[in-house]
Protein backbone atom coordinates (compact mmCIF):
# COMPACT_ATOMS: atom_id res chain seq x y z
CA MET A 1 -36.03 38.59 -72.69
CA ALA A 2 -35.61 34.85 -73.24
CA ASN A 3 -38.51 32.61 -72.31
CA VAL A 4 -38.15 29.47 -70.18
CA LEU A 5 -37.37 27.08 -73.03
CA GLN A 6 -35.00 29.47 -74.83
CA LYS A 7 -32.70 29.19 -71.81
CA TYR A 8 -32.34 25.45 -72.54
CA PHE A 9 -32.48 25.66 -76.34
CA PRO A 10 -30.83 28.83 -77.67
CA MET A 11 -31.76 27.87 -81.24
CA ILE A 12 -35.40 28.77 -80.51
CA ARG A 13 -36.33 31.89 -82.46
CA THR A 14 -38.54 34.74 -81.36
CA ARG A 15 -42.07 35.16 -82.66
CA GLU A 16 -40.97 38.22 -84.58
CA ASP A 17 -38.19 36.29 -86.38
CA VAL A 18 -40.57 33.50 -87.40
CA ARG A 19 -43.22 35.94 -88.58
CA LYS A 20 -40.63 37.93 -90.54
CA GLU A 21 -39.51 34.80 -92.42
CA ILE A 22 -43.11 33.90 -93.26
CA THR A 23 -44.07 37.38 -94.50
CA GLY A 24 -40.94 37.47 -96.66
CA ASN A 25 -41.81 34.25 -98.52
CA ASP A 26 -44.83 34.23 -100.85
CA ARG A 27 -45.26 30.45 -100.63
CA LEU A 28 -45.21 30.47 -96.82
CA MET A 29 -47.43 33.52 -96.72
CA LYS A 30 -50.07 31.73 -98.77
CA VAL A 31 -50.14 28.87 -96.24
CA TRP A 32 -50.16 31.35 -93.35
CA GLN A 33 -53.16 33.23 -94.73
CA GLY A 34 -55.07 29.96 -94.93
CA TRP A 35 -54.99 29.68 -91.13
CA ASN A 36 -57.22 31.60 -88.77
CA ARG A 37 -55.79 33.96 -86.16
CA GLU A 38 -55.88 31.37 -83.38
CA GLN A 39 -53.98 28.84 -85.51
CA GLN A 40 -51.39 31.45 -86.48
CA GLU A 41 -50.79 32.32 -82.83
CA LEU A 42 -50.53 28.65 -81.88
CA PHE A 43 -47.92 28.04 -84.58
CA LEU A 44 -45.87 31.00 -83.36
CA ASP A 45 -46.17 29.69 -79.79
CA TYR A 46 -44.75 26.33 -80.89
CA CYS A 47 -41.84 27.77 -82.88
CA SER A 48 -40.91 30.37 -80.26
CA GLY A 49 -41.08 28.01 -77.26
CA GLN A 50 -43.99 29.85 -75.67
CA ARG A 51 -45.72 26.47 -75.71
CA GLY A 52 -44.44 22.95 -76.15
CA VAL A 53 -45.15 21.11 -79.41
CA ARG A 54 -47.92 18.48 -79.28
CA ILE A 55 -45.75 15.37 -79.61
CA LEU A 56 -48.71 13.00 -79.63
CA TYR A 57 -50.02 14.12 -82.99
CA ASP A 58 -49.00 11.78 -85.76
CA THR A 59 -46.61 13.87 -87.84
CA PHE A 60 -44.67 15.15 -84.83
CA PHE A 61 -44.67 11.79 -83.05
CA LYS A 62 -43.15 10.04 -86.06
CA GLU A 63 -40.46 12.68 -86.37
CA ILE A 64 -39.23 12.04 -82.82
CA LEU A 65 -40.37 8.48 -82.12
CA ASP A 66 -40.31 6.82 -85.51
CA PRO A 67 -40.10 3.07 -84.78
CA ASN A 68 -38.21 2.64 -88.06
CA THR A 69 -35.43 5.15 -87.33
CA THR A 70 -35.40 5.36 -83.52
CA PRO A 71 -36.85 2.02 -82.38
CA GLU A 72 -35.06 2.18 -79.03
CA ARG A 73 -37.26 5.12 -77.95
CA VAL A 74 -40.51 3.35 -78.77
CA GLU A 75 -39.14 0.17 -77.20
CA GLU A 76 -38.48 1.98 -73.93
CA LEU A 77 -41.97 3.48 -73.88
CA LEU A 78 -43.64 0.13 -74.65
CA SER A 79 -41.48 -1.65 -72.08
CA LEU A 80 -42.61 0.75 -69.37
CA ILE A 81 -46.27 0.42 -70.35
CA LEU A 82 -46.27 -3.38 -70.72
CA LYS A 83 -43.93 -3.94 -67.74
CA GLN A 84 -41.67 -6.22 -69.74
CA LYS A 85 -38.60 -5.90 -71.93
CA VAL A 86 -39.70 -5.06 -75.46
CA LYS A 87 -37.71 -5.36 -78.67
CA ILE A 88 -39.28 -4.24 -81.94
CA LEU A 89 -38.82 -6.71 -84.77
CA LYS A 90 -40.55 -4.68 -87.47
CA VAL A 91 -43.17 -2.00 -88.07
CA LEU A 92 -46.39 -3.29 -89.58
CA PRO A 93 -48.39 -1.34 -92.16
CA LEU A 94 -51.83 -0.03 -91.23
CA GLU A 95 -53.28 -2.17 -94.01
CA SER A 96 -56.71 -2.78 -92.52
CA PRO A 97 -59.21 0.10 -92.58
CA ARG A 98 -60.85 1.12 -89.34
CA LEU A 99 -64.40 0.05 -88.71
CA GLY A 100 -66.86 2.76 -89.77
CA ASP A 101 -65.67 6.30 -88.99
CA GLU A 102 -63.59 5.43 -85.93
CA GLN A 103 -60.36 6.37 -87.71
CA SER A 104 -61.53 9.99 -87.75
CA LEU A 105 -61.02 10.20 -83.99
CA ILE A 106 -57.51 8.71 -83.98
CA VAL A 107 -54.69 11.25 -83.98
CA MET A 108 -51.77 8.79 -83.83
CA ASP A 109 -51.54 5.09 -84.64
CA VAL A 110 -48.50 2.77 -84.71
CA VAL A 111 -48.50 -1.02 -85.04
CA VAL A 112 -45.29 -2.99 -84.40
CA GLU A 113 -44.33 -6.64 -84.23
CA LEU A 114 -42.20 -7.45 -81.21
CA GLU A 115 -39.26 -9.81 -80.95
CA ASP A 116 -41.45 -12.67 -79.71
CA HIS A 117 -43.79 -12.01 -82.70
CA SER A 118 -46.54 -10.54 -80.53
CA ILE A 119 -48.17 -7.36 -81.84
CA ALA A 120 -48.51 -4.03 -80.11
CA ASN A 121 -50.88 -1.32 -81.33
CA LEU A 122 -50.15 2.09 -79.79
CA GLU A 123 -52.65 4.80 -80.59
CA VAL A 124 -53.96 8.09 -79.31
CA GLN A 125 -57.68 8.78 -79.23
CA LYS A 126 -58.69 12.44 -79.17
CA ALA A 127 -62.24 11.77 -77.97
CA GLY A 128 -62.41 8.70 -75.81
CA TYR A 129 -66.20 8.87 -75.51
CA TYR A 130 -66.43 7.37 -78.99
CA PHE A 131 -64.01 4.53 -78.29
CA PRO A 132 -65.62 2.24 -75.72
CA GLY A 133 -64.36 -1.21 -74.77
CA GLN A 134 -66.42 -2.88 -77.48
CA ARG A 135 -64.51 -1.07 -80.20
CA ALA A 136 -61.19 -1.76 -78.53
CA ALA A 137 -62.09 -5.46 -78.59
CA CYS A 138 -62.97 -5.21 -82.29
CA TYR A 139 -59.65 -3.52 -83.10
CA SER A 140 -57.74 -6.10 -81.12
CA SER A 141 -59.59 -8.90 -82.91
CA ASP A 142 -58.77 -7.28 -86.25
CA LEU A 143 -55.06 -7.30 -85.39
CA LEU A 144 -55.31 -10.89 -84.17
CA LEU A 145 -56.93 -11.96 -87.43
CA ARG A 146 -54.28 -10.12 -89.45
CA GLN A 147 -51.61 -12.00 -87.55
CA TYR A 148 -53.38 -15.32 -88.12
CA ARG A 149 -53.58 -14.74 -91.88
CA ARG A 150 -49.99 -13.58 -92.13
CA VAL A 151 -48.67 -16.58 -90.15
CA ARG A 152 -50.66 -19.04 -92.28
CA GLU A 153 -49.45 -17.45 -95.52
CA ASP A 154 -45.82 -17.47 -94.36
CA LEU A 155 -45.99 -21.13 -93.32
CA GLU A 156 -47.68 -22.12 -96.59
CA LYS A 157 -44.86 -20.48 -98.54
CA GLN A 158 -42.40 -22.53 -96.48
CA GLU A 159 -44.58 -25.61 -96.95
CA LYS A 160 -44.89 -25.98 -93.22
CA ARG A 161 -47.91 -27.05 -91.23
CA PHE A 162 -49.87 -24.37 -89.40
CA SER A 163 -50.35 -24.56 -85.63
CA TYR A 164 -52.31 -22.16 -83.44
CA LYS A 165 -49.31 -22.16 -81.13
CA GLU A 166 -47.73 -19.84 -83.67
CA ILE A 167 -50.26 -17.10 -82.85
CA LYS A 168 -48.88 -14.64 -80.30
CA LYS A 169 -50.33 -11.97 -78.03
CA VAL A 170 -51.91 -8.77 -79.27
CA TYR A 171 -51.49 -5.70 -77.03
CA THR A 172 -53.88 -2.81 -77.66
CA ILE A 173 -52.61 0.37 -75.98
CA ILE A 174 -54.87 3.43 -76.08
CA LEU A 175 -53.93 6.86 -74.78
CA TYR A 176 -56.94 9.11 -74.30
CA GLU A 177 -56.56 12.87 -74.52
CA LYS A 178 -60.11 13.18 -73.26
CA SER A 179 -61.03 9.93 -71.58
CA PRO A 180 -64.53 8.43 -71.30
CA LYS A 181 -66.56 9.35 -68.25
CA GLU A 182 -66.02 5.88 -66.73
CA PHE A 183 -62.37 6.78 -66.19
CA HIS A 184 -63.29 9.93 -64.32
CA ASP A 185 -64.66 7.75 -61.53
CA PHE A 186 -61.04 6.78 -60.86
CA PRO A 187 -59.27 10.16 -60.69
CA ARG A 188 -56.30 8.71 -58.80
CA ASP A 189 -55.56 6.20 -61.56
CA TYR A 190 -54.43 6.96 -65.08
CA MET A 191 -53.52 3.45 -66.27
CA HIS A 192 -55.93 0.51 -66.50
CA ARG A 193 -54.88 -2.96 -67.65
CA PHE A 194 -57.30 -5.60 -68.92
CA ALA A 195 -56.81 -9.28 -69.70
CA GLN A 196 -59.21 -12.21 -69.76
CA ARG A 197 -59.12 -14.38 -66.64
CA SER A 198 -60.88 -17.56 -65.57
CA ASP A 199 -63.16 -17.61 -62.52
CA THR A 200 -61.66 -20.96 -61.47
CA GLY A 201 -57.96 -20.12 -61.67
CA ILE A 202 -57.25 -22.24 -64.76
CA GLU A 203 -54.69 -20.49 -66.97
CA ILE A 204 -55.38 -20.34 -70.71
CA ASP A 205 -53.68 -17.73 -72.84
CA LEU A 206 -56.47 -15.94 -74.72
CA LEU A 207 -53.90 -13.66 -76.38
CA GLN A 208 -55.64 -10.27 -76.15
CA GLU A 209 -54.56 -7.69 -73.58
CA TYR A 210 -55.42 -4.02 -73.25
CA VAL A 211 -53.90 -0.96 -71.61
CA PHE A 212 -55.95 2.24 -71.35
CA ILE A 213 -54.12 5.41 -70.35
CA SER A 214 -56.19 8.41 -69.29
CA LEU A 215 -54.02 11.46 -69.96
CA ASP A 216 -56.51 13.92 -68.48
CA ASN A 217 -56.44 11.94 -65.22
CA PHE A 218 -52.65 11.83 -65.46
CA HIS A 219 -52.43 15.61 -65.77
CA GLY A 220 -54.39 16.00 -62.54
CA ILE A 221 -52.02 13.63 -60.75
CA LEU A 222 -48.99 15.33 -62.29
CA HIS A 223 -50.20 18.71 -61.06
CA ASN A 224 -50.54 17.45 -57.49
CA LYS A 225 -47.65 15.00 -57.17
CA GLY A 226 -45.16 15.83 -59.91
CA ILE A 227 -43.23 13.33 -62.05
CA ARG A 228 -42.69 10.21 -59.94
CA ASN A 229 -41.10 7.69 -62.31
CA GLN A 230 -39.77 7.03 -65.81
CA LEU A 231 -43.17 6.17 -67.30
CA GLU A 232 -44.64 9.42 -65.99
CA ALA A 233 -41.67 11.24 -67.49
CA TRP A 234 -42.58 9.76 -70.87
CA LEU A 235 -46.24 10.67 -70.51
CA THR A 236 -45.24 14.21 -69.55
CA PHE A 237 -43.03 14.45 -72.65
CA LEU A 238 -45.84 13.18 -74.86
CA SER A 239 -48.76 15.21 -73.58
CA VAL A 240 -47.68 18.36 -71.69
CA ASP A 241 -47.04 21.69 -73.42
CA GLU A 242 -46.45 24.02 -70.44
CA PRO A 243 -42.86 25.36 -70.68
CA GLU A 244 -42.33 25.30 -66.90
CA THR A 245 -43.28 21.59 -66.69
CA ILE A 246 -41.07 20.80 -69.70
CA ALA A 247 -38.14 22.56 -68.01
CA LYS A 248 -38.74 20.54 -64.84
CA LEU A 249 -38.86 17.33 -66.91
CA ILE A 250 -35.52 18.14 -68.52
CA ARG A 251 -33.88 18.85 -65.17
CA GLU A 252 -35.13 15.63 -63.56
CA TYR A 253 -34.87 13.35 -66.64
CA PRO A 254 -32.08 14.74 -68.86
CA GLN A 255 -32.60 12.16 -71.64
CA PHE A 256 -35.58 14.19 -72.90
CA GLU A 257 -33.44 17.25 -73.53
CA LYS A 258 -32.12 15.59 -76.69
CA TYR A 259 -35.65 14.90 -77.93
CA TYR A 260 -36.73 18.50 -77.40
CA GLU A 261 -33.55 19.71 -79.07
CA GLU A 262 -34.51 17.73 -82.17
CA ILE A 263 -37.96 19.32 -82.08
CA TYR A 264 -36.63 22.87 -81.93
CA LYS A 265 -34.04 22.21 -84.62
CA LEU A 266 -36.94 21.03 -86.75
CA CYS A 267 -38.84 24.22 -85.90
CA ARG A 268 -36.05 26.23 -87.56
CA ASN A 269 -37.14 24.67 -90.88
CA THR A 270 -40.19 26.89 -91.16
CA GLU A 271 -41.47 25.44 -94.43
CA ARG A 272 -41.28 21.85 -93.18
CA VAL A 273 -42.89 22.54 -89.83
CA MET A 274 -45.63 24.62 -91.46
CA GLN A 275 -46.36 21.67 -93.72
CA MET A 276 -46.57 19.37 -90.68
CA PHE A 277 -48.74 21.85 -88.79
CA SER A 278 -51.11 22.22 -91.77
CA GLU A 279 -51.41 18.46 -92.04
CA GLU A 280 -52.37 18.22 -88.38
CA LEU A 281 -54.87 21.07 -88.74
CA ARG A 282 -56.55 19.30 -91.65
CA GLU A 283 -56.76 16.08 -89.67
CA LEU A 284 -57.99 17.82 -86.53
CA ASP A 285 -60.56 19.72 -88.55
CA ARG A 286 -61.88 16.47 -89.98
CA ASN A 287 -61.84 14.93 -86.51
CA THR A 288 -63.70 17.89 -85.04
CA VAL A 289 -66.38 17.80 -87.72
CA GLN A 290 -66.96 14.10 -87.10
CA TYR A 291 -66.89 14.67 -83.35
CA MET A 292 -69.44 17.46 -83.61
CA ILE A 293 -71.70 15.43 -85.90
CA ASP A 294 -71.64 12.57 -83.39
CA ASP A 295 -71.98 14.97 -80.47
CA MET A 296 -74.99 16.72 -81.99
CA LYS A 297 -76.61 13.39 -82.84
CA ASP A 298 -76.22 12.29 -79.23
CA GLU A 299 -77.58 15.62 -78.01
CA ILE A 300 -80.66 15.46 -80.22
CA ASP A 301 -81.26 11.78 -79.43
CA ALA A 302 -80.97 12.58 -75.72
CA GLN A 303 -83.47 15.41 -76.04
CA LYS A 304 -85.92 13.19 -77.92
CA GLU A 305 -85.53 10.58 -75.21
CA LEU A 306 -86.21 13.18 -72.50
CA ILE A 307 -89.40 14.27 -74.24
CA GLU A 308 -90.55 10.69 -74.81
CA GLN A 309 -90.03 9.99 -71.11
CA GLY A 310 -91.81 13.18 -70.09
CA ASN A 311 -88.59 14.41 -68.47
CA THR A 312 -88.25 17.66 -70.41
CA ALA A 313 -86.99 19.93 -67.67
CA ALA A 314 -83.64 20.19 -69.47
CA LEU A 315 -85.22 21.50 -72.67
CA GLY A 316 -84.35 25.14 -72.03
CA ILE A 317 -80.70 24.28 -71.37
CA ILE A 318 -80.22 22.05 -74.42
CA GLU A 319 -81.86 24.42 -76.89
CA SER A 320 -79.46 27.21 -75.88
CA THR A 321 -76.31 25.29 -76.86
CA VAL A 322 -74.29 26.03 -80.00
CA GLY A 323 -74.34 22.35 -80.95
CA PHE A 324 -78.15 22.25 -80.89
CA ALA A 325 -78.42 25.44 -82.94
CA MET A 326 -75.94 24.03 -85.44
CA ALA A 327 -77.89 20.80 -85.75
CA LEU A 328 -81.18 22.56 -86.45
CA ALA A 329 -79.57 25.06 -88.83
CA THR A 330 -77.99 22.18 -90.77
CA LYS A 331 -81.34 20.41 -91.09
CA ALA A 332 -83.23 23.58 -91.97
CA THR A 333 -80.84 24.85 -94.65
CA LYS A 334 -79.70 21.47 -96.02
CA LYS A 335 -76.18 22.92 -95.86
CA PRO A 336 -73.22 20.81 -94.63
CA VAL A 337 -72.38 21.13 -90.95
CA GLU A 338 -68.88 22.33 -91.93
CA LEU A 339 -70.43 25.62 -93.10
CA PHE A 340 -71.60 26.40 -89.57
CA LYS A 341 -68.60 24.85 -87.85
CA LEU A 342 -66.17 27.13 -89.69
CA MET A 343 -68.25 30.29 -89.28
CA PRO A 344 -66.76 33.19 -87.31
CA ARG A 345 -68.06 33.20 -83.75
CA ALA A 346 -70.03 36.42 -84.25
CA LEU A 347 -71.85 35.02 -87.28
CA MET A 348 -72.57 31.70 -85.57
CA ASN A 349 -73.99 33.66 -82.66
CA GLN A 350 -76.49 35.24 -85.08
CA VAL A 351 -77.47 31.77 -86.34
CA GLN A 352 -77.90 30.58 -82.76
CA GLN A 353 -80.06 33.56 -81.89
CA ALA A 354 -82.23 32.95 -84.96
CA VAL A 355 -82.71 29.31 -84.00
CA MET A 356 -83.56 30.20 -80.41
CA LYS A 357 -86.01 32.82 -81.64
CA ALA A 358 -87.73 30.22 -83.81
CA MET A 359 -87.73 27.76 -80.91
CA SER A 360 -89.16 30.35 -78.52
CA GLY A 361 -92.35 30.76 -80.52
CA GLU A 362 -91.74 34.45 -81.20
CA LYS A 363 -93.62 34.08 -84.47
CA ASN A 364 -97.39 34.56 -84.50
CA ASP A 365 -98.01 31.14 -82.96
CA VAL A 366 -100.03 32.29 -79.95
CA SER A 367 -102.99 34.56 -80.53
CA LYS A 368 -105.40 35.37 -77.72
CA HIS A 369 -103.85 32.56 -75.69
CA VAL A 370 -104.53 29.94 -78.42
CA LEU A 371 -101.42 27.95 -79.32
CA THR A 372 -101.56 26.95 -83.00
CA PHE A 373 -99.42 23.99 -83.99
CA GLU A 374 -97.07 24.07 -86.97
CA GLN A 375 -98.62 20.77 -88.11
CA PRO A 376 -101.66 18.83 -86.87
CA TYR A 377 -100.80 16.81 -83.75
CA THR A 378 -102.36 13.39 -83.12
CA TYR A 379 -102.56 12.26 -79.51
CA ASP A 380 -101.53 8.65 -79.00
CA GLY A 381 -101.31 8.55 -75.22
CA LYS A 382 -103.15 6.76 -72.42
CA LYS A 383 -106.37 8.79 -72.16
CA GLY A 384 -108.87 6.73 -74.13
CA GLU A 385 -111.49 9.38 -74.92
CA ILE A 386 -109.04 11.53 -76.90
CA LYS A 387 -106.62 8.79 -78.08
CA GLY A 388 -106.22 9.07 -81.85
CA GLN A 389 -107.77 12.56 -81.93
CA THR A 390 -105.96 15.19 -84.02
CA PHE A 391 -105.46 18.75 -82.76
CA ASP A 392 -104.60 21.87 -84.74
CA SER A 393 -104.35 24.07 -81.63
CA ILE A 394 -105.01 24.26 -77.92
CA ASP A 395 -106.72 27.02 -75.99
CA LEU A 396 -104.67 28.17 -72.98
CA THR A 397 -107.05 30.94 -71.90
CA GLU A 398 -107.87 29.20 -68.62
CA VAL A 399 -104.22 29.44 -67.53
CA GLU A 400 -104.99 33.07 -66.67
CA ASN A 401 -107.79 32.00 -64.34
CA LEU A 402 -105.77 29.48 -62.34
CA CYS A 403 -105.24 30.30 -58.67
CA THR A 404 -102.41 29.92 -56.18
CA MET A 405 -103.60 26.42 -55.29
CA ASN A 406 -102.99 25.38 -58.88
CA GLU A 407 -99.50 26.84 -58.69
CA LEU A 408 -98.82 24.97 -55.44
CA THR A 409 -100.05 21.78 -57.09
CA ALA A 410 -97.62 22.32 -59.95
CA GLU A 411 -94.75 22.93 -57.53
CA ASN A 412 -95.60 19.80 -55.54
CA ARG A 413 -95.67 17.77 -58.77
CA MET A 414 -92.24 19.15 -59.67
CA VAL A 415 -90.81 18.16 -56.28
CA ALA A 416 -92.38 14.70 -56.57
CA GLU A 417 -90.66 14.23 -59.93
CA GLY A 418 -87.32 15.34 -58.48
CA PHE A 419 -87.19 18.85 -60.03
CA ALA A 420 -86.14 21.98 -58.17
CA THR A 421 -88.75 24.73 -58.12
CA VAL A 422 -86.16 27.44 -58.75
CA ASN A 423 -86.74 29.34 -62.03
CA LYS A 424 -89.84 27.22 -62.57
CA ASP A 425 -91.18 29.37 -65.40
CA ARG A 426 -88.35 28.02 -67.59
CA ASN A 427 -88.99 24.44 -66.52
CA TYR A 428 -90.96 22.53 -69.11
CA PHE A 429 -92.47 20.07 -66.65
CA HIS A 430 -93.93 23.02 -64.74
CA ALA A 431 -95.50 24.23 -67.99
CA VAL A 432 -96.92 20.75 -68.62
CA VAL A 433 -98.63 20.58 -65.21
CA ILE A 434 -100.07 24.10 -65.53
CA ALA A 435 -101.32 23.47 -69.09
CA SER A 436 -102.83 20.17 -68.03
CA GLN A 437 -104.75 21.82 -65.18
CA ALA A 438 -105.97 24.64 -67.44
CA THR A 439 -107.10 22.53 -70.40
CA GLY A 440 -108.08 19.26 -68.75
CA LEU A 441 -105.80 17.42 -71.16
CA PRO A 442 -103.50 14.74 -69.66
CA GLU A 443 -99.85 15.52 -68.98
CA ASP A 444 -98.68 12.99 -71.56
CA PHE A 445 -100.53 15.04 -74.21
CA PHE A 446 -97.96 17.80 -73.69
CA THR A 447 -94.86 15.67 -73.03
CA ALA A 448 -95.35 14.02 -76.44
CA LEU A 449 -95.50 17.31 -78.35
CA PRO A 450 -92.89 17.88 -81.08
CA LEU A 451 -89.82 19.77 -79.93
CA CYS A 452 -90.71 23.17 -81.41
CA GLU A 453 -94.26 23.00 -80.04
CA ALA A 454 -92.93 22.07 -76.59
CA ALA A 455 -90.76 25.18 -76.49
CA LYS A 456 -93.66 27.40 -77.56
CA LEU A 457 -95.93 25.83 -74.94
CA ARG A 458 -93.41 26.53 -72.22
CA ASN A 459 -93.21 30.18 -73.25
CA ALA A 460 -96.96 30.50 -73.61
CA VAL A 461 -97.59 29.16 -70.11
CA ASP A 462 -94.88 31.38 -68.63
CA SER A 463 -96.62 33.51 -65.98
CA ALA A 464 -95.19 36.69 -67.51
CA PHE A 465 -97.22 36.02 -70.67
CA PHE A 466 -100.44 36.60 -68.74
CA GLU A 467 -99.35 39.68 -66.83
């Protein structure tokens, strides 16, 4: 039985036909075996029309919207975004490297010079969290400087005098697949335009303008209100892979049928489309590794900040995440993070369980209610009489002798600090208050403990430990 898209594009093959061609070709089979099961299924979905192709990724975008071969398509898209008639004069090379590792999070990037010599940079960011306004400003400034140098060089060759009037606007257009959290505060808006303005009304052209498009916000609007105009038709074409929505787009905006037809004709060239798919997988894999490295760094930094602030209630949640386990496993083994990132889920689950076991203090760290530290701990807090004193262990025996009034005190302290008293035995702040009452040591003694010691303390003070 034909699927939704096969009714519009009869050239779409079945999954069985695509798989048969691959298994019958040694060269294709070698590529196929280099993919995991999920990637294989995704490729078959694309070729068989079970899912729309991701147009936004660089290799596919430039097949269908190459500004060199089909400039009129890119011109229409830019005209709708910039709200002005756009004519592409030429495509500019991406000659300037991205700052730091930012390029690793870009999945599509096109720079064109328009008819009035202004520059437009159209790019797709996979993870918008790592592309704040400051970086957008830096990229825009980089393009502006490139234009300045090019104009000066061209005028010098013509032996003409340079004037800053020759410098034209730079438009930086960013489409976010996953937009920063700031954009989620505006769920009814998917497009945000920025330009510098005076507080007095004086008009001076400062050349740099920005358009941020939140595709995740757009998808929510699309789901509720449908495709309302030509720009939304383009954004649907670029970012939606549900066959039913694609069929609706074709019915309401027939121009896109030709573009999809080109895609599915391309999909009949299995070797070519496998090459494109592999290229995107390599890029996405590199992107994901960088994303995870950044994400883990943020997670660990956030946890350190929580502990430094004494706000360690979230400790039990953070230490149970895959990202946290991966970070600690990477540090402990000195192996690259890619080793853990590419592990089968079952094996990574074993790594995570081993890390959590180590974090939980299941080794012989507590004997007769004495918590022995991995390394000597020097207190540098506010309590003068023990400031600078080094501890190898702490005796928690008195926890067993605390009464209900002590427990009520701990609960009241939790409420005062804004913590819920539900599941309090897994709340680190609760453990801090109890340990402080039992030992006479100040609370900041425990909130400054190293991460692994903090987890062991929480488990050692758990009421079940003394039952």
